[in-house]
Each structure stands twice: as structure tokens, then as C-alpha cells.
Amino acid sequence: MAELAEVKSILRGLAGSVLKGTTDRQDAAVVGQLLNTVIRAVSVELKAKEQLELVERLEMLEEALEQKGGHRYGA
């Protein structure tokens, strides 16, 4: 989440500098596009992490069920 906070900070600064006229709009647009790519990459990373955590939790539940004499799903 620190990455997203950093991106937001950069975007705020970038917007301010465009409004002041100290940064070219085209340059700011390119930087905005690159930062959007960073945001998407962070989002994909978070989704992958969530899926891995869910798989681990499911495996733990299946193991607990097996130990109690239940049946493993999908087996």
C-alpha cells in the first residue's frame, strides 16, 4: 500500500505543477499513463496474493476435514 500512497502523492504534485504551468501537459500525461501502469501492476499483485492466501486457507481446511474423518473435495 505504500506504493499506492507514493503514486497518489506524485499525481497530486504533478497536477499542481501542471496547474501552475511548471510542467508541460504532454509530459504530465505520459507520467500519468506510466503511473496508471504501476497502479494496475500493484492491483494484479494484490489479487494474486489474495488468491494464494485463499488456496492456502482452503488446503488447511481440507486437511482439518480429513483429520476429522471427512472426505477431501475434488479427490
N, C-alpha and C. Protein backbone atom coordinates (compact mmCIF):
# COMPACT_ATOMS: atom_id res chain seq x y z
N MET A 1 0.81 -1.20 0.00
CA MET A 1 0.00 0.00 0.00
C MET A 1 0.86 1.26 0.00
N ALA A 2 2.09 1.14 0.41
CA ALA A 2 2.98 2.30 0.39
C ALA A 2 3.20 2.77 -1.03
N GLU A 3 3.21 1.81 -1.98
CA GLU A 3 3.38 2.17 -3.38
C GLU A 3 2.23 3.04 -3.87
N LEU A 4 1.02 2.69 -3.47
CA LEU A 4 -0.14 3.47 -3.90
C LEU A 4 -0.12 4.86 -3.28
N ALA A 5 0.29 4.95 -2.05
CA ALA A 5 0.39 6.26 -1.41
C ALA A 5 1.42 7.12 -2.12
N GLU A 6 2.52 6.51 -2.54
CA GLU A 6 3.55 7.24 -3.26
C GLU A 6 3.03 7.71 -4.62
N VAL A 7 2.32 6.85 -5.32
CA VAL A 7 1.76 7.21 -6.62
C VAL A 7 0.77 8.37 -6.46
N LYS A 8 -0.09 8.30 -5.45
CA LYS A 8 -1.04 9.38 -5.21
C LYS A 8 -0.34 10.69 -4.93
N SER A 9 0.72 10.63 -4.16
CA SER A 9 1.48 11.84 -3.85
C SER A 9 2.10 12.44 -5.12
N ILE A 10 2.66 11.57 -5.95
CA ILE A 10 3.26 12.04 -7.21
C ILE A 10 2.19 12.67 -8.10
N LEU A 11 1.03 12.02 -8.18
CA LEU A 11 -0.05 12.55 -9.02
C LEU A 11 -0.54 13.91 -8.53
N ARG A 12 -0.64 14.06 -7.22
CA ARG A 12 -1.05 15.36 -6.68
C ARG A 12 -0.03 16.45 -7.03
N GLY A 13 1.24 16.11 -6.85
CA GLY A 13 2.29 17.07 -7.19
C GLY A 13 2.31 17.39 -8.67
N LEU A 14 2.11 16.37 -9.47
CA LEU A 14 2.10 16.54 -10.92
C LEU A 14 0.93 17.44 -11.34
N ALA A 15 -0.24 17.18 -10.78
CA ALA A 15 -1.41 18.01 -11.09
C ALA A 15 -1.17 19.45 -10.70
N GLY A 16 -0.58 19.64 -9.53
CA GLY A 16 -0.29 21.01 -9.08
C GLY A 16 0.69 21.72 -9.99
N SER A 17 1.72 21.01 -10.43
CA SER A 17 2.72 21.64 -11.29
C SER A 17 2.15 21.93 -12.69
N VAL A 18 1.22 21.11 -13.15
CA VAL A 18 0.57 21.40 -14.43
C VAL A 18 -0.29 22.65 -14.30
N LEU A 19 -1.04 22.72 -13.20
CA LEU A 19 -1.89 23.88 -12.99
C LEU A 19 -1.08 25.17 -12.85
N LYS A 20 0.10 25.08 -12.25
CA LYS A 20 0.98 26.25 -12.10
C LYS A 20 1.69 26.59 -13.40
N GLY A 21 1.71 25.63 -14.32
CA GLY A 21 2.39 25.85 -15.59
C GLY A 21 3.86 25.51 -15.57
N THR A 22 4.32 24.83 -14.52
CA THR A 22 5.74 24.46 -14.42
C THR A 22 6.05 23.11 -15.06
N THR A 23 5.01 22.35 -15.38
CA THR A 23 5.19 21.06 -16.06
C THR A 23 4.32 21.05 -17.30
N ASP A 24 4.91 20.63 -18.41
CA ASP A 24 4.21 20.53 -19.67
C ASP A 24 3.09 19.50 -19.58
N ARG A 25 1.95 19.81 -20.15
CA ARG A 25 0.80 18.90 -20.10
C ARG A 25 1.09 17.56 -20.77
N GLN A 26 1.81 17.57 -21.86
CA GLN A 26 2.13 16.31 -22.54
C GLN A 26 3.04 15.44 -21.68
N ASP A 27 4.02 16.07 -21.03
CA ASP A 27 4.90 15.32 -20.13
C ASP A 27 4.09 14.73 -18.98
N ALA A 28 3.19 15.55 -18.44
CA ALA A 28 2.36 15.09 -17.33
C ALA A 28 1.46 13.94 -17.76
N ALA A 29 0.95 14.00 -18.99
CA ALA A 29 0.08 12.92 -19.49
C ALA A 29 0.85 11.61 -19.57
N VAL A 30 2.09 11.67 -20.04
CA VAL A 30 2.90 10.46 -20.15
C VAL A 30 3.20 9.90 -18.76
N VAL A 31 3.56 10.78 -17.84
CA VAL A 31 3.83 10.33 -16.47
C VAL A 31 2.58 9.71 -15.86
N GLY A 32 1.42 10.34 -16.12
CA GLY A 32 0.15 9.78 -15.62
C GLY A 32 -0.11 8.39 -16.17
N GLN A 33 0.17 8.19 -17.44
CA GLN A 33 -0.03 6.87 -18.04
C GLN A 33 0.90 5.84 -17.39
N LEU A 34 2.14 6.22 -17.16
CA LEU A 34 3.09 5.30 -16.53
C LEU A 34 2.67 4.96 -15.10
N LEU A 35 2.19 5.97 -14.39
CA LEU A 35 1.74 5.72 -13.02
C LEU A 35 0.49 4.83 -13.01
N ASN A 36 -0.35 4.97 -14.02
CA ASN A 36 -1.51 4.10 -14.14
C ASN A 36 -1.07 2.65 -14.33
N THR A 37 0.00 2.46 -15.08
CA THR A 37 0.55 1.11 -15.27
C THR A 37 1.04 0.55 -13.93
N VAL A 38 1.66 1.39 -13.13
CA VAL A 38 2.11 0.97 -11.80
C VAL A 38 0.91 0.55 -10.96
N ILE A 39 -0.14 1.34 -10.99
CA ILE A 39 -1.34 1.03 -10.21
C ILE A 39 -1.92 -0.32 -10.64
N ARG A 40 -1.99 -0.56 -11.94
CA ARG A 40 -2.51 -1.85 -12.42
C ARG A 40 -1.62 -3.00 -11.98
N ALA A 41 -0.31 -2.81 -12.02
CA ALA A 41 0.61 -3.87 -11.60
C ALA A 41 0.43 -4.18 -10.11
N VAL A 42 0.27 -3.15 -9.31
CA VAL A 42 0.04 -3.36 -7.87
C VAL A 42 -1.28 -4.09 -7.66
N SER A 43 -2.29 -3.72 -8.42
CA SER A 43 -3.59 -4.39 -8.31
C SER A 43 -3.49 -5.87 -8.65
N VAL A 44 -2.80 -6.20 -9.72
CA VAL A 44 -2.61 -7.60 -10.11
C VAL A 44 -1.85 -8.36 -9.03
N GLU A 45 -0.83 -7.72 -8.49
CA GLU A 45 -0.03 -8.34 -7.43
C GLU A 45 -0.89 -8.64 -6.21
N LEU A 46 -1.75 -7.69 -5.83
CA LEU A 46 -2.62 -7.89 -4.67
C LEU A 46 -3.63 -9.02 -4.92
N LYS A 47 -4.19 -9.07 -6.12
CA LYS A 47 -5.14 -10.13 -6.44
C LYS A 47 -4.47 -11.50 -6.40
N ALA A 48 -3.26 -11.59 -6.93
CA ALA A 48 -2.53 -12.86 -6.91
C ALA A 48 -2.24 -13.28 -5.48
N LYS A 49 -1.86 -12.33 -4.65
CA LYS A 49 -1.56 -12.63 -3.24
C LYS A 49 -2.83 -13.11 -2.53
N GLU A 50 -3.96 -12.46 -2.80
CA GLU A 50 -5.22 -12.88 -2.19
C GLU A 50 -5.57 -14.30 -2.61
N GLN A 51 -5.38 -14.63 -3.89
CA GLN A 51 -5.70 -15.97 -4.36
C GLN A 51 -4.81 -17.01 -3.71
N LEU A 52 -3.52 -16.71 -3.58
CA LEU A 52 -2.62 -17.65 -2.91
C LEU A 52 -3.03 -17.88 -1.47
N GLU A 53 -3.41 -16.80 -0.79
CA GLU A 53 -3.84 -16.92 0.60
C GLU A 53 -5.10 -17.77 0.71
N LEU A 54 -6.02 -17.58 -0.23
CA LEU A 54 -7.25 -18.37 -0.22
C LEU A 54 -6.98 -19.85 -0.47
N VAL A 55 -6.08 -20.14 -1.39
CA VAL A 55 -5.71 -21.53 -1.66
C VAL A 55 -5.10 -22.16 -0.41
N GLU A 56 -4.22 -21.42 0.25
CA GLU A 56 -3.60 -21.95 1.47
C GLU A 56 -4.65 -22.21 2.55
N ARG A 57 -5.59 -21.29 2.71
CA ARG A 57 -6.64 -21.47 3.72
C ARG A 57 -7.52 -22.66 3.37
N LEU A 58 -7.85 -22.81 2.09
CA LEU A 58 -8.67 -23.94 1.66
C LEU A 58 -7.95 -25.26 1.92
N GLU A 59 -6.67 -25.31 1.62
CA GLU A 59 -5.89 -26.52 1.87
C GLU A 59 -5.85 -26.86 3.36
N MET A 60 -5.73 -25.83 4.19
CA MET A 60 -5.72 -26.07 5.64
C MET A 60 -7.07 -26.62 6.09
N LEU A 61 -8.16 -26.06 5.55
CA LEU A 61 -9.49 -26.56 5.91
C LEU A 61 -9.70 -27.99 5.44
N GLU A 62 -9.22 -28.30 4.24
CA GLU A 62 -9.34 -29.67 3.73
C GLU A 62 -8.56 -30.64 4.59
N GLU A 63 -7.37 -30.24 5.02
CA GLU A 63 -6.56 -31.11 5.89
C GLU A 63 -7.26 -31.32 7.23
N ALA A 64 -7.85 -30.27 7.77
CA ALA A 64 -8.56 -30.39 9.04
C ALA A 64 -9.76 -31.32 8.88
N LEU A 65 -10.44 -31.21 7.75
CA LEU A 65 -11.59 -32.08 7.50
C LEU A 65 -11.15 -33.54 7.37
N GLU A 66 -10.05 -33.77 6.69
CA GLU A 66 -9.53 -35.14 6.56
C GLU A 66 -9.18 -35.72 7.92
N GLN A 67 -8.57 -34.92 8.78
CA GLN A 67 -8.18 -35.41 10.10
C GLN A 67 -9.39 -35.77 10.94
N LYS A 68 -10.53 -35.15 10.65
CA LYS A 68 -11.75 -35.46 11.40
C LYS A 68 -12.54 -36.58 10.74
N GLY A 69 -11.95 -37.21 9.72
CA GLY A 69 -12.60 -38.34 9.08
C GLY A 69 -13.50 -37.97 7.93
N GLY A 70 -13.44 -36.73 7.51
CA GLY A 70 -14.26 -36.31 6.38
C GLY A 70 -13.62 -36.68 5.07
N HIS A 71 -14.26 -36.31 4.00
CA HIS A 71 -13.75 -36.58 2.66
C HIS A 71 -13.17 -35.32 2.08
N ARG A 72 -12.10 -35.49 1.33
CA ARG A 72 -11.47 -34.35 0.67
C ARG A 72 -12.20 -34.05 -0.63
N TYR A 73 -12.56 -32.80 -0.85
CA TYR A 73 -13.24 -32.41 -2.07
C TYR A 73 -12.29 -32.46 -3.23
N GLY A 74 -12.81 -32.88 -4.36
CA GLY A 74 -12.01 -32.93 -5.57
C GLY A 74 -11.05 -34.10 -5.64
N ALA A 75 -11.06 -34.96 -4.66
CA ALA A 75 -10.12 -36.10 -4.66
C ALA A 75 -10.83 -37.36 -5.03
